[in-house]
PDB file of N, CA and C in Angstrom:
ATOM      1  N   MET A   1      85.231   8.183  77.357  1.00  0.00           N
ATOM      2  CA  MET A   1      86.465   7.792  75.656  1.00  0.00           C
ATOM      3  C   MET A   1      86.055   6.258  74.991  1.00  0.00           C
ATOM      4  N   THR A   2      85.677   5.024  76.147  1.00  0.00           N
ATOM      5  CA  THR A   2      85.773   3.813  75.278  1.00  0.00           C
ATOM      6  C   THR A   2      84.282   4.072  74.302  1.00  0.00           C
ATOM      7  N   LEU A   3      83.404   4.881  74.431  1.00  0.00           N
ATOM      8  CA  LEU A   3      82.074   5.106  73.846  1.00  0.00           C
ATOM      9  C   LEU A   3      82.608   5.358  72.155  1.00  0.00           C
ATOM     10  N   PHE A   4      83.152   6.231  72.994  1.00  0.00           N
ATOM     11  CA  PHE A   4      83.754   6.970  70.753  1.00  0.00           C
ATOM     12  C   PHE A   4      84.289   6.458  70.648  1.00  0.00           C
ATOM     13  N   LEU A   5      85.709   5.312  70.774  1.00  0.00           N
ATOM     14  CA  LEU A   5      85.857   3.944  70.516  1.00  0.00           C
ATOM     15  C   LEU A   5      85.084   2.862  69.691  1.00  0.00           C
ATOM     16  N   PHE A   6      84.202   2.840  70.320  1.00  0.00           N
ATOM     17  CA  PHE A   6      83.085   2.585  70.207  1.00  0.00           C
ATOM     18  C   PHE A   6      82.495   2.084  68.980  1.00  0.00           C
ATOM     19  N   THR A   7      82.027   3.796  69.131  1.00  0.00           N
ATOM     20  CA  THR A   7      80.856   4.102  67.822  1.00  0.00           C
ATOM     21  C   THR A   7      81.509   4.252  66.306  1.00  0.00           C
ATOM     22  N   GLN A   8      83.040   4.591  67.743  1.00  0.00           N
ATOM     23  CA  GLN A   8      83.784   4.377  65.928  1.00  0.00           C
ATOM     24  C   GLN A   8      83.779   3.187  64.956  1.00  0.00           C
ATOM     25  N   LEU A   9      83.817   2.088  65.717  1.00  0.00           N
ATOM     26  CA  LEU A   9      84.539   0.614  65.452  1.00  0.00           C
ATOM     27  C   LEU A   9      82.580   0.367  65.079  1.00  0.00           C
ATOM     28  N   TYR A  10      81.900   0.318  65.131  1.00  0.00           N
ATOM     29  CA  TYR A  10      81.649   0.182  65.062  1.00  0.00           C
ATOM     30  C   TYR A  10      80.386   1.027  63.486  1.00  0.00           C
ATOM     31  N   GLY A  11      81.078   2.318  63.150  1.00  0.00           N
ATOM     32  CA  GLY A  11      80.948   2.769  62.600  1.00  0.00           C
ATOM     33  C   GLY A  11      80.940   2.220  61.095  1.00  0.00           C
ATOM     34  N   LEU A  12      82.864   1.991  61.206  1.00  0.00           N
ATOM     35  CA  LEU A  12      84.256   1.069  60.271  1.00  0.00           C
ATOM     36  C   LEU A  12      82.921  -0.331  60.263  1.00  0.00           C
ATOM     37  N   TYR A  13      82.848  -0.815  60.954  1.00  0.00           N
ATOM     38  CA  TYR A  13      81.737  -2.050  61.155  1.00  0.00           C
ATOM     39  C   TYR A  13      80.495  -2.056  59.825  1.00  0.00           C
ATOM     40  N   ARG A  14      79.814  -0.487  60.144  1.00  0.00           N
ATOM     41  CA  ARG A  14      78.820  -0.889  59.028  1.00  0.00           C
ATOM     42  C   ARG A  14      79.644  -0.298  57.297  1.00  0.00           C
ATOM     43  N   ILE A  15      80.258   0.617  57.666  1.00  0.00           N
ATOM     44  CA  ILE A  15      80.722   0.294  56.830  1.00  0.00           C
ATOM     45  C   ILE A  15      81.081  -0.769  55.520  1.00  0.00           C
ATOM     46  N   GLN A  16      82.064  -1.711  56.446  1.00  0.00           N
ATOM     47  CA  GLN A  16      82.472  -2.748  55.697  1.00  0.00           C
ATOM     48  C   GLN A  16      81.046  -3.359  54.784  1.00  0.00           C
ATOM     49  N   VAL A  17      80.583  -3.234  56.373  1.00  0.00           N
ATOM     50  CA  VAL A  17      79.297  -4.735  55.824  1.00  0.00           C
ATOM     51  C   VAL A  17      78.055  -3.692  54.770  1.00  0.00           C
ATOM     52  N   ASN A  18      78.040  -3.004  54.709  1.00  0.00           N
ATOM     53  CA  ASN A  18      77.661  -1.756  52.924  1.00  0.00           C
ATOM     54  C   ASN A  18      78.149  -2.332  52.587  1.00  0.00           C
ATOM     55  N   LEU A  19      80.110  -1.937  52.379  1.00  0.00           N
ATOM     56  CA  LEU A  19      80.356  -2.649  51.552  1.00  0.00           C
ATOM     57  C   LEU A  19      80.597  -3.850  50.641  1.00  0.00           C
ATOM     58  N   ALA A  20      80.602  -4.642  51.424  1.00  0.00           N
ATOM     59  CA  ALA A  20      80.657  -6.112  51.189  1.00  0.00           C
ATOM     60  C   ALA A  20      78.742  -6.868  50.456  1.00  0.00           C
ATOM     61  N   ARG A  21      78.226  -5.300  50.979  1.00  0.00           N
ATOM     62  CA  ARG A  21      76.490  -5.863  49.912  1.00  0.00           C
ATOM     63  C   ARG A  21      76.718  -5.376  49.015  1.00  0.00           C
ATOM     64  N   PHE A  22      77.649  -4.156  48.517  1.00  0.00           N
ATOM     65  CA  PHE A  22      77.194  -3.591  47.131  1.00  0.00           C
ATOM     66  C   PHE A  22      77.330  -4.175  45.994  1.00  0.00           C
ATOM     67  N   PRO A  23      78.614  -5.457  46.064  1.00  0.00           N
ATOM     68  CA  PRO A  23      78.699  -5.957  44.797  1.00  0.00           C
ATOM     69  C   PRO A  23      77.239  -7.254  44.636  1.00  0.00           C
ATOM     70  N   LEU A  24      76.683  -7.841  45.648  1.00  0.00           N
ATOM     71  CA  LEU A  24      75.259  -8.069  45.207  1.00  0.00           C
ATOM     72  C   LEU A  24      74.192  -7.187  45.044  1.00  0.00           C
ATOM     73  N   LYS A  25      73.743  -5.799  46.047  1.00  0.00           N
ATOM     74  CA  LYS A  25      73.048  -5.399  45.311  1.00  0.00           C
ATOM     75  C   LYS A  25      73.383  -4.405  43.941  1.00  0.00           C
ATOM     76  N   LEU A  26      75.006  -4.477  43.518  1.00  0.00           N
ATOM     77  CA  LEU A  26      75.207  -4.111  41.900  1.00  0.00           C
ATOM     78  C   LEU A  26      74.571  -5.901  40.892  1.00  0.00           C
ATOM     79  N   ALA A  27      74.733  -6.780  41.861  1.00  0.00           N
ATOM     80  CA  ALA A  27      74.663  -7.628  40.220  1.00  0.00           C
ATOM     81  C   ALA A  27      72.799  -7.689  40.456  1.00  0.00           C
ATOM     82  N   ARG A  28      71.931  -7.500  41.752  1.00  0.00           N
ATOM     83  CA  ARG A  28      70.543  -7.674  41.866  1.00  0.00           C
ATOM     84  C   ARG A  28      70.324  -6.364  39.945  1.00  0.00           C
ATOM     85  N   ILE A  29      71.080  -4.938  40.339  1.00  0.00           N
ATOM     86  CA  ILE A  29      70.506  -4.572  39.579  1.00  0.00           C
ATOM     87  C   ILE A  29      70.332  -4.281  37.847  1.00  0.00           C
ATOM     88  N   LEU A  30      72.038  -5.346  37.966  1.00  0.00           N
ATOM     89  CA  LEU A  30      73.149  -5.740  36.282  1.00  0.00           C
ATOM     90  C   LEU A  30      71.524  -6.649  36.544  1.00  0.00           C
ATOM     91  N   LEU A  31      70.952  -7.268  36.840  1.00  0.00           N
ATOM     92  CA  LEU A  31      69.959  -8.282  36.916  1.00  0.00           C
ATOM     93  C   LEU A  31      69.294  -7.831  35.875  1.00  0.00           C
ATOM     94  N   ASN A  32      68.484  -6.510  36.997  1.00  0.00           N
ATOM     95  CA  ASN A  32      66.958  -6.316  36.616  1.00  0.00           C
ATOM     96  C   ASN A  32      67.446  -5.706  35.487  1.00  0.00           C
ATOM     97  N   LEU A  33      68.402  -5.158  35.269  1.00  0.00           N
ATOM     98  CA  LEU A  33      68.593  -4.371  33.535  1.00  0.00           C
ATOM     99  C   LEU A  33      68.982  -5.498  33.011  1.00  0.00           C
ATOM    100  N   ALA A  34      69.426  -6.714  33.002  1.00  0.00           N
ATOM    101  CA  ALA A  34      69.219  -7.449  31.920  1.00  0.00           C
ATOM    102  C   ALA A  34      68.209  -8.456  31.688  1.00  0.00           C
ATOM    103  N   ARG A  35      66.562  -8.594  32.273  1.00  0.00           N
ATOM    104  CA  ARG A  35      65.880  -8.379  32.109  1.00  0.00           C
ATOM    105  C   ARG A  35      64.414  -7.907  31.375  1.00  0.00           C
ATOM    106  N   ILE A  36      64.909  -6.087  32.134  1.00  0.00           N
ATOM    107  CA  ILE A  36      64.792  -5.126  30.883  1.00  0.00           C
ATOM    108  C   ILE A  36      64.754  -5.678  29.972  1.00  0.00           C
ATOM    109  N   SER A  37      66.144  -5.517  29.768  1.00  0.00           N
ATOM    110  CA  SER A  37      66.893  -5.330  27.651  1.00  0.00           C
ATOM    111  C   SER A  37      65.528  -6.782  26.939  1.00  0.00           C
ATOM    112  N   LEU A  38      65.971  -8.170  28.209  1.00  0.00           N
ATOM    113  CA  LEU A  38      65.659  -8.525  27.422  1.00  0.00           C
ATOM    114  C   LEU A  38      64.083  -9.038  27.082  1.00  0.00           C
ATOM    115  N   ASN A  39      63.225  -8.067  28.250  1.00  0.00           N
ATOM    116  CA  ASN A  39      61.755  -8.034  27.652  1.00  0.00           C
ATOM    117  C   ASN A  39      61.545  -7.015  26.898  1.00  0.00           C
ATOM    118  N   LEU A  40      62.632  -6.085  26.209  1.00  0.00           N
ATOM    119  CA  LEU A  40      62.135  -4.969  25.378  1.00  0.00           C
ATOM    120  C   LEU A  40      62.924  -5.614  23.933  1.00  0.00           C
ATOM    121  N   ALA A  41      63.975  -6.637  24.104  1.00  0.00           N
ATOM    122  CA  ALA A  41      64.292  -7.605  22.910  1.00  0.00           C
ATOM    123  C   ALA A  41      63.331  -8.281  22.746  1.00  0.00           C
ATOM    124  N   ARG A  42      62.535  -8.831  23.559  1.00  0.00           N
ATOM    125  CA  ARG A  42      60.675  -8.863  23.059  1.00  0.00           C
ATOM    126  C   ARG A  42      59.775  -9.032  22.477  1.00  0.00           C
ATOM    127  N   ILE A  43      59.967  -7.370  23.123  1.00  0.00           N
ATOM    128  CA  ILE A  43      58.707  -7.078  22.429  1.00  0.00           C
ATOM    129  C   ILE A  43      59.445  -6.257  21.287  1.00  0.00           C
ATOM    130  N   LEU A  44      59.940  -6.155  20.942  1.00  0.00           N
ATOM    131  CA  LEU A  44      61.160  -5.467  19.595  1.00  0.00           C
ATOM    132  C   LEU A  44      60.985  -6.822  18.568  1.00  0.00           C
ATOM    133  N   LEU A  45      60.562  -8.102  18.594  1.00  0.00           N
ATOM    134  CA  LEU A  45      60.802  -9.785  18.077  1.00  0.00           C
ATOM    135  C   LEU A  45      59.127  -8.823  17.601  1.00  0.00           C
ATOM    136  N   ASN A  46      59.022  -8.873  18.843  1.00  0.00           N
ATOM    137  CA  ASN A  46      56.960  -8.635  18.621  1.00  0.00           C
ATOM    138  C   ASN A  46      56.555  -7.674  17.119  1.00  0.00           C
ATOM    139  N   LEU A  47      57.217  -6.780  17.846  1.00  0.00           N
ATOM    140  CA  LEU A  47      56.670  -5.753  16.786  1.00  0.00           C
ATOM    141  C   LEU A  47      57.431  -6.359  15.523  1.00  0.00           C
ATOM    142  N   ALA A  48      58.847  -6.637  15.275  1.00  0.00           N
ATOM    143  CA  ALA A  48      59.712  -7.235  13.823  1.00  0.00           C
ATOM    144  C   ALA A  48      57.575  -8.114  13.531  1.00  0.00           C
ATOM    145  N   ARG A  49      57.437  -9.250  14.112  1.00  0.00           N
ATOM    146  CA  ARG A  49      56.635  -9.651  14.185  1.00  0.00           C
ATOM    147  C   ARG A  49      55.236  -9.217  13.148  1.00  0.00           C
ATOM    148  N   PHE A  50      54.640  -8.371  14.302  1.00  0.00           N
ATOM    149  CA  PHE A  50      53.820  -8.076  13.324  1.00  0.00           C
ATOM    150  C   PHE A  50      53.858  -7.225  12.270  1.00  0.00           C
ATOM    151  N   SER A  51      54.400  -6.216  12.422  1.00  0.00           N
ATOM    152  CA  SER A  51      55.004  -5.373  11.665  1.00  0.00           C
ATOM    153  C   SER A  51      55.612  -6.443   9.813  1.00  0.00           C
ATOM    154  N   LEU A  52      55.608  -7.696   9.594  1.00  0.00           N
ATOM    155  CA  LEU A  52      56.090  -8.516   8.815  1.00  0.00           C
ATOM    156  C   LEU A  52      54.511  -9.028   8.591  1.00  0.00           C
ATOM    157  N   ASN A  53      53.681  -9.249   9.356  1.00  0.00           N
ATOM    158  CA  ASN A  53      52.634  -9.805   8.958  1.00  0.00           C
ATOM    159  C   ASN A  53      51.829  -8.805   8.629  1.00  0.00           C
ATOM    160  N   LEU A  54      52.135  -7.413   8.787  1.00  0.00           N
ATOM    161  CA  LEU A  54      51.348  -6.119   8.116  1.00  0.00           C
ATOM    162  C   LEU A  54      51.645  -6.194   6.799  1.00  0.00           C
ATOM    163  N   ALA A  55      52.921  -6.314   6.342  1.00  0.00           N
ATOM    164  CA  ALA A  55      53.832  -5.813   5.244  1.00  0.00           C
ATOM    165  C   ALA A  55      52.829  -7.216   4.096  1.00  0.00           C
ATOM    166  N   ARG A  56      52.560  -8.487   4.867  1.00  0.00           N
ATOM    167  CA  ARG A  56      52.414  -9.496   3.880  1.00  0.00           C
ATOM    168  C   ARG A  56      51.040  -9.102   3.886  1.00  0.00           C
ATOM    169  N   ILE A  57      50.206  -8.868   4.760  1.00  0.00           N
ATOM    170  CA  ILE A  57      49.071  -7.906   4.443  1.00  0.00           C
ATOM    171  C   ILE A  57      48.950  -7.367   3.872  1.00  0.00           C
ATOM    172  N   SER A  58      49.425  -6.599   3.340  1.00  0.00           N
ATOM    173  CA  SER A  58      49.398  -5.723   2.338  1.00  0.00           C
ATOM    174  C   SER A  58      50.205  -5.834   1.178  1.00  0.00           C
ATOM    175  N   LEU A  59      50.436  -6.743   1.135  1.00  0.00           N
ATOM    176  CA  LEU A  59      51.446  -7.698   0.032  1.00  0.00           C
ATOM    177  C   LEU A  59      50.421  -8.209  -1.288  1.00  0.00           C
ATOM    178  N   ASN A  60      49.318  -9.291   0.656  1.00  0.00           N
ATOM    179  CA  ASN A  60      48.389  -9.902  -0.495  1.00  0.00           C
ATOM    180  C   ASN A  60      46.675  -8.662  -0.565  1.00  0.00           C
ATOM    181  N   LEU A  61      47.080  -7.534   0.059  1.00  0.00           N
ATOM    182  CA  LEU A  61      46.129  -6.557  -0.212  1.00  0.00           C
ATOM    183  C   LEU A  61      46.358  -6.427  -1.619  1.00  0.00           C
ATOM    184  N   ALA A  62      47.708  -5.763  -2.191  1.00  0.00           N
ATOM    185  CA  ALA A  62      48.100  -5.673  -3.170  1.00  0.00           C
ATOM    186  C   ALA A  62      47.980  -6.447  -4.525  1.00  0.00           C
ATOM    187  N   ARG A  63      48.393  -7.698  -4.093  1.00  0.00           N
ATOM    188  CA  ARG A  63      47.640  -8.976  -5.182  1.00  0.00           C
ATOM    189  C   ARG A  63      46.238  -8.603  -5.404  1.00  0.00           C
ATOM    190  N   ILE A  64      45.728  -9.067  -4.787  1.00  0.00           N
ATOM    191  CA  ILE A  64      43.700  -9.150  -4.970  1.00  0.00           C
ATOM    192  C   ILE A  64      43.695  -7.223  -5.452  1.00  0.00           C
ATOM    193  N   LEU A  65      44.320  -6.482  -5.663  1.00  0.00           N
ATOM    194  CA  LEU A  65      44.140  -5.185  -5.906  1.00  0.00           C
ATOM    195  C   LEU A  65      43.735  -5.016  -7.553  1.00  0.00           C
ATOM    196  N   LEU A  66      45.546  -5.673  -8.010  1.00  0.00           N
ATOM    197  CA  LEU A  66      46.200  -6.218  -8.975  1.00  0.00           C
ATOM    198  C   LEU A  66      44.888  -6.477  -9.583  1.00  0.00           C
ATOM    199  N   ASN A  67      44.786  -7.697  -9.007  1.00  0.00           N
ATOM    200  CA  ASN A  67      43.910  -8.969  -9.781  1.00  0.00           C
ATOM    201  C   ASN A  67      41.932  -8.824 -10.369  1.00  0.00           C
ATOM    202  N   LEU A  68      41.813  -7.714  -9.703  1.00  0.00           N
ATOM    203  CA  LEU A  68      40.793  -7.390  -9.344  1.00  0.00           C
ATOM    204  C   LEU A  68      40.619  -5.968 -10.580  1.00  0.00           C
ATOM    205  N   ALA A  69      42.043  -5.235 -10.981  1.00  0.00           N
ATOM    206  CA  ALA A  69      42.265  -4.736 -12.008  1.00  0.00           C
ATOM    207  C   ALA A  69      42.099  -5.089 -12.775  1.00  0.00           C
ATOM    208  N   ARG A  70      42.936  -6.108 -13.313  1.00  0.00           N
ATOM    209  CA  ARG A  70      42.947  -7.214 -14.584  1.00  0.00           C
ATOM    210  C   ARG A  70      41.454  -7.670 -14.979  1.00  0.00           C
ATOM    211  N   PHE A  71      40.967  -8.029 -13.769  1.00  0.00           N
ATOM    212  CA  PHE A  71      39.844  -8.007 -14.144  1.00  0.00           C
ATOM    213  C   PHE A  71      37.991  -7.134 -15.150  1.00  0.00           C
ATOM    214  N   SER A  72      38.847  -6.199 -14.232  1.00  0.00           N
ATOM    215  CA  SER A  72      38.276  -5.229 -14.525  1.00  0.00           C
ATOM    216  C   SER A  72      38.476  -4.718 -15.819  1.00  0.00           C
ATOM    217  N   LEU A  73      39.870  -4.603 -16.204  1.00  0.00           N
ATOM    218  CA  LEU A  73      39.589  -4.417 -17.278  1.00  0.00           C
ATOM    219  C   LEU A  73      39.864  -5.561 -19.088  1.00  0.00           C
ATOM    220  N   ASN A  74      39.932  -6.613 -18.166  1.00  0.00           N
ATOM    221  CA  ASN A  74      39.286  -7.796 -19.085  1.00  0.00           C
ATOM    222  C   ASN A  74      37.233  -7.788 -19.500  1.00  0.00           C
ATOM    223  N   LEU A  75      36.639  -7.309 -18.699  1.00  0.00           N
ATOM    224  CA  LEU A  75      35.758  -6.852 -18.324  1.00  0.00           C
ATOM    225  C   LEU A  75      35.347  -5.530 -19.069  1.00  0.00           C
ATOM    226  N   ALA A  76      36.313  -4.559 -19.573  1.00  0.00           N
ATOM    227  CA  ALA A  76      36.213  -3.528 -20.550  1.00  0.00           C
ATOM    228  C   ALA A  76      36.825  -4.458 -21.788  1.00  0.00           C
ATOM    229  N   ARG A  77      37.125  -5.209 -21.679  1.00  0.00           N
ATOM    230  CA  ARG A  77      37.892  -5.479 -23.177  1.00  0.00           C
ATOM    231  C   ARG A  77      36.218  -6.026 -23.759  1.00  0.00           C
ATOM    232  N   ILE A  78      35.143  -7.107 -23.058  1.00  0.00           N
ATOM    233  CA  ILE A  78      34.657  -7.688 -23.784  1.00  0.00           C
ATOM    234  C   ILE A  78      33.420  -6.664 -24.791  1.00  0.00           C
ATOM    235  N   PRO A  79      33.136  -5.307 -24.284  1.00  0.00           N
ATOM    236  CA  PRO A  79      32.010  -4.668 -25.172  1.00  0.00           C
ATOM    237  C   PRO A  79      32.764  -3.996 -26.136  1.00  0.00           C
ATOM    238  N   VAL A  80      34.487  -3.867 -26.178  1.00  0.00           N
ATOM    239  CA  VAL A  80      35.379  -3.358 -27.292  1.00  0.00           C
ATOM    240  C   VAL A  80      35.244  -4.842 -28.525  1.00  0.00           C
ATOM    241  N   ASN A  81      35.332  -5.988 -27.910  1.00  0.00           N
ATOM    242  CA  ASN A  81      35.195  -7.130 -28.743  1.00  0.00           C
ATOM    243  C   ASN A  81      34.174  -7.147 -29.907  1.00  0.00           C
ATOM    244  N   LEU A  82      33.331  -7.139 -28.729  1.00  0.00           N
ATOM    245  CA  LEU A  82      31.651  -7.471 -29.388  1.00  0.00           C
ATOM    246  C   LEU A  82      31.443  -6.395 -31.358  1.00  0.00           C
ATOM    247  N   ALA A  83      31.958  -4.972 -30.568  1.00  0.00           N
ATOM    248  CA  ALA A  83      31.787  -3.916 -31.394  1.00  0.00           C
ATOM    249  C   ALA A  83      32.832  -4.243 -32.309  1.00  0.00           C
ATOM    250  N   ARG A  84      33.870  -5.330 -32.230  1.00  0.00           N
ATOM    251  CA  ARG A  84      34.267  -5.419 -33.489  1.00  0.00           C
ATOM    252  C   ARG A  84      34.193  -6.688 -34.084  1.00  0.00           C
ATOM    253  N   ILE A  85      33.031  -7.538 -33.487  1.00  0.00           N
ATOM    254  CA  ILE A  85      32.688  -8.519 -34.607  1.00  0.00           C
ATOM    255  C   ILE A  85      31.300  -8.169 -34.929  1.00  0.00           C
ATOM    256  N   SER A  86      30.545  -6.848 -34.109  1.00  0.00           N
ATOM    257  CA  SER A  86      29.418  -6.427 -34.931  1.00  0.00           C
ATOM    258  C   SER A  86      30.189  -5.633 -35.844  1.00  0.00           C
ATOM    259  N   LEU A  87      30.856  -4.897 -36.040  1.00  0.00           N
ATOM    260  CA  LEU A  87      32.333  -4.517 -37.240  1.00  0.00           C
ATOM    261  C   LEU A  87      32.150  -5.323 -38.387  1.00  0.00           C
ATOM    262  N   ASN A  88      32.757  -6.926 -37.664  1.00  0.00           N
ATOM    263  CA  ASN A  88      33.004  -8.176 -39.059  1.00  0.00           C
ATOM    264  C   ASN A  88      31.786  -8.470 -39.561  1.00  0.00           C
ATOM    265  N   LEU A  89      30.920  -7.932 -38.976  1.00  0.00           N
ATOM    266  CA  LEU A  89      30.049  -8.561 -39.447  1.00  0.00           C
ATOM    267  C   LEU A  89      29.117  -7.974 -40.652  1.00  0.00           C
ATOM    268  N   ALA A  90      29.296  -6.362 -40.182  1.00  0.00           N
ATOM    269  CA  ALA A  90      28.753  -5.421 -41.206  1.00  0.00           C
ATOM    270  C   ALA A  90      29.265  -5.501 -42.431  1.00  0.00           C
ATOM    271  N   HIS A  91      30.092  -6.159 -42.192  1.00  0.00           N
ATOM    272  CA  HIS A  91      31.416  -5.637 -43.165  1.00  0.00           C
ATOM    273  C   HIS A  91      30.906  -6.923 -44.052  1.00  0.00           C
ATOM    274  N   ILE A  92      30.802  -8.183 -43.763  1.00  0.00           N
ATOM    275  CA  ILE A  92      30.367  -9.224 -44.073  1.00  0.00           C
ATOM    276  C   ILE A  92      29.481  -9.095 -44.784  1.00  0.00           C
ATOM    277  N   SER A  93      27.890  -8.674 -44.173  1.00  0.00           N
ATOM    278  CA  SER A  93      27.307  -8.222 -44.797  1.00  0.00           C
ATOM    279  C   SER A  93      27.326  -7.530 -45.868  1.00  0.00           C
ATOM    280  N   VAL A  94      27.922  -5.946 -45.717  1.00  0.00           N
ATOM    281  CA  VAL A  94      28.340  -5.284 -46.543  1.00  0.00           C
ATOM    282  C   VAL A  94      29.027  -6.377 -48.020  1.00  0.00           C
ATOM    283  N   ASN A  95      29.544  -6.890 -48.102  1.00  0.00           N
ATOM    284  CA  ASN A  95      30.270  -7.017 -49.020  1.00  0.00           C
ATOM    285  C   ASN A  95      29.112  -8.684 -49.348  1.00  0.00           C
ATOM    286  N   LEU A  96      28.303  -9.138 -48.790  1.00  0.00           N
ATOM    287  CA  LEU A  96      27.079  -9.736 -49.586  1.00  0.00           C
ATOM    288  C   LEU A  96      25.909  -9.435 -50.318  1.00  0.00           C
ATOM    289  N   ALA A  97      26.233  -7.801 -49.892  1.00  0.00           N
ATOM    290  CA  ALA A  97      25.457  -7.244 -50.337  1.00  0.00           C
ATOM    291  C   ALA A  97      25.681  -6.811 -51.555  1.00  0.00           C
ATOM    292  N   ARG A  98      26.673  -6.434 -51.755  1.00  0.00           N
ATOM    293  CA  ARG A  98      27.367  -6.313 -53.126  1.00  0.00           C
ATOM    294  C   ARG A  98      27.625  -7.249 -53.696  1.00  0.00           C
ATOM    295  N   ILE A  99      27.747  -8.658 -53.551  1.00  0.00           N
ATOM    296  CA  ILE A  99      28.018  -9.505 -54.543  1.00  0.00           C
ATOM    297  C   ILE A  99      26.250 -10.000 -54.822  1.00  0.00           C
ATOM    298  N   SER A 100      25.570  -9.474 -54.267  1.00  0.00           N
ATOM    299  CA  SER A 100      24.171 -10.109 -54.546  1.00  0.00           C
ATOM    300  C   SER A 100      23.906  -8.946 -55.634  1.00  0.00           C
ATOM    301  N   VAL A 101      24.180  -7.474 -55.160  1.00  0.00           N
ATOM    302  CA  VAL A 101      24.176  -6.561 -56.302  1.00  0.00           C
ATOM    303  C   VAL A 101      24.932  -6.847 -57.328  1.00  0.00           C
ATOM    304  N   ASN A 102      26.015  -6.982 -57.264  1.00  0.00           N
ATOM    305  CA  ASN A 102      27.328  -7.988 -58.707  1.00  0.00           C
ATOM    306  C   ASN A 102      26.035  -8.911 -59.639  1.00  0.00           C
ATOM    307  N   LEU A 103      25.222  -9.908 -58.777  1.00  0.00           N
ATOM    308  CA  LEU A 103      24.690 -10.818 -59.328  1.00  0.00           C
ATOM    309  C   LEU A 103      23.351 -11.034 -60.043  1.00  0.00           C
ATOM    310  N   ALA A 104      22.684  -9.816 -59.552  1.00  0.00           N
ATOM    311  CA  ALA A 104      22.203  -9.639 -60.121  1.00  0.00           C
ATOM    312  C   ALA A 104      21.217  -8.340 -61.425  1.00  0.00           C
ATOM    313  N   ARG A 105      23.342  -7.858 -61.824  1.00  0.00           N
ATOM    314  CA  ARG A 105      23.521  -6.729 -62.931  1.00  0.00           C
ATOM    315  C   ARG A 105      24.216  -8.018 -63.800  1.00  0.00           C
ATOM    316  N   ILE A 106      24.240  -9.280 -63.855  1.00  0.00           N
ATOM    317  CA  ILE A 106      24.313 -10.163 -65.029  1.00  0.00           C
ATOM    318  C   ILE A 106      22.724 -10.949 -65.714  1.00  0.00           C
ATOM    319  N   PRO A 107      22.873 -10.218 -66.776  1.00  0.00           N
ATOM    320  CA  PRO A 107      21.473 -11.005 -67.212  1.00  0.00           C
ATOM    321  C   PRO A 107      21.487 -12.173 -67.055  1.00  0.00           C
ATOM    322  N   LEU A 108      20.235 -12.244 -67.034  1.00  0.00           N
ATOM    323  CA  LEU A 108      19.006 -13.910 -66.446  1.00  0.00           C
ATOM    324  C   LEU A 108      19.021 -14.170 -68.006  1.00  0.00           C
ATOM    325  N   ASN A 109      19.976 -14.653 -69.070  1.00  0.00           N
ATOM    326  CA  ASN A 109      19.993 -15.634 -70.261  1.00  0.00           C
ATOM    327  C   ASN A 109      19.621 -17.303 -69.688  1.00  0.00           C
ATOM    328  N   PRO A 110      18.865 -17.342 -70.440  1.00  0.00           N
ATOM    329  CA  PRO A 110      18.402 -18.931 -70.471  1.00  0.00           C
ATOM    330  C   PRO A 110      19.903 -19.943 -70.377  1.00  0.00           C
ATOM    331  N   THR A 111      20.440 -19.753 -70.772  1.00  0.00           N
ATOM    332  CA  THR A 111      21.749 -20.272 -71.200  1.00  0.00           C
ATOM    333  C   THR A 111      22.509 -20.299 -69.294  1.00  0.00           C
ATOM    334  N   TRP A 112      23.112 -18.951 -69.389  1.00  0.00           N
ATOM    335  CA  TRP A 112      22.930 -19.688 -68.321  1.00  0.00           C
ATOM    336  C   TRP A 112      22.254 -19.769 -66.719  1.00  0.00           C
ATOM    337  N   ILE A 113      21.244 -19.786 -66.977  1.00  0.00           N
ATOM    338  CA  ILE A 113      20.389 -20.593 -66.209  1.00  0.00           C
ATOM    339  C   ILE A 113      20.401 -22.238 -66.184  1.00  0.00           C
ATOM    340  N   GLY A 114      20.378 -22.490 -67.778  1.00  0.00           N
ATOM    341  CA  GLY A 114      21.489 -23.646 -67.774  1.00  0.00           C
ATOM    342  C   GLY A 114      22.737 -24.098 -66.921  1.00  0.00           C
ATOM    343  N   PHE A 115      23.323 -23.078 -67.012  1.00  0.00           N
ATOM    344  CA  PHE A 115      24.619 -23.166 -66.937  1.00  0.00           C
ATOM    345  C   PHE A 115      24.886 -23.689 -64.934  1.00  0.00           C
ATOM    346  N   PHE A 116      24.658 -22.571 -64.418  1.00  0.00           N
ATOM    347  CA  PHE A 116      24.370 -22.756 -62.669  1.00  0.00           C
ATOM    348  C   PHE A 116      23.731 -24.148 -62.748  1.00  0.00           C
ATOM    349  N   LEU A 117      23.003 -24.498 -63.744  1.00  0.00           N
ATOM    350  CA  LEU A 117      21.962 -25.323 -63.216  1.00  0.00           C
ATOM    351  C   LEU A 117      22.645 -26.405 -63.216  1.00  0.00           C
ATOM    352  N   ARG A 118      23.468 -26.901 -63.776  1.00  0.00           N
ATOM    353  CA  ARG A 118      24.286 -27.665 -64.333  1.00  0.00           C
ATOM    354  C   ARG A 118      25.076 -28.657 -62.538  1.00  0.00           C
TER     355      ARG A 118
END
């Protein structure tokens, strides 16, 4: 009978020891969970920084492409402007030809020559 009581008391002792260790084990588990959540927060922060850097890179690439588009547009305007200049020069030459034709129609008279030579 004493062996039975001893085993019963020893079992109660083990239960009390385990119950006394439970808060410590629970605290360790909670501490590990807190460490895991901290590491996850760091990972998410790094991912946010990475995505911000990617957004900055894409914004800079968009600015570069916009500047290249403006540059190519300006390059495309050069032949148009040159064509306008040549058209204006053609108009000037046509007008000069008309003036010379009109001057050729004036009869050459010695009095006119004297008038122009004064």
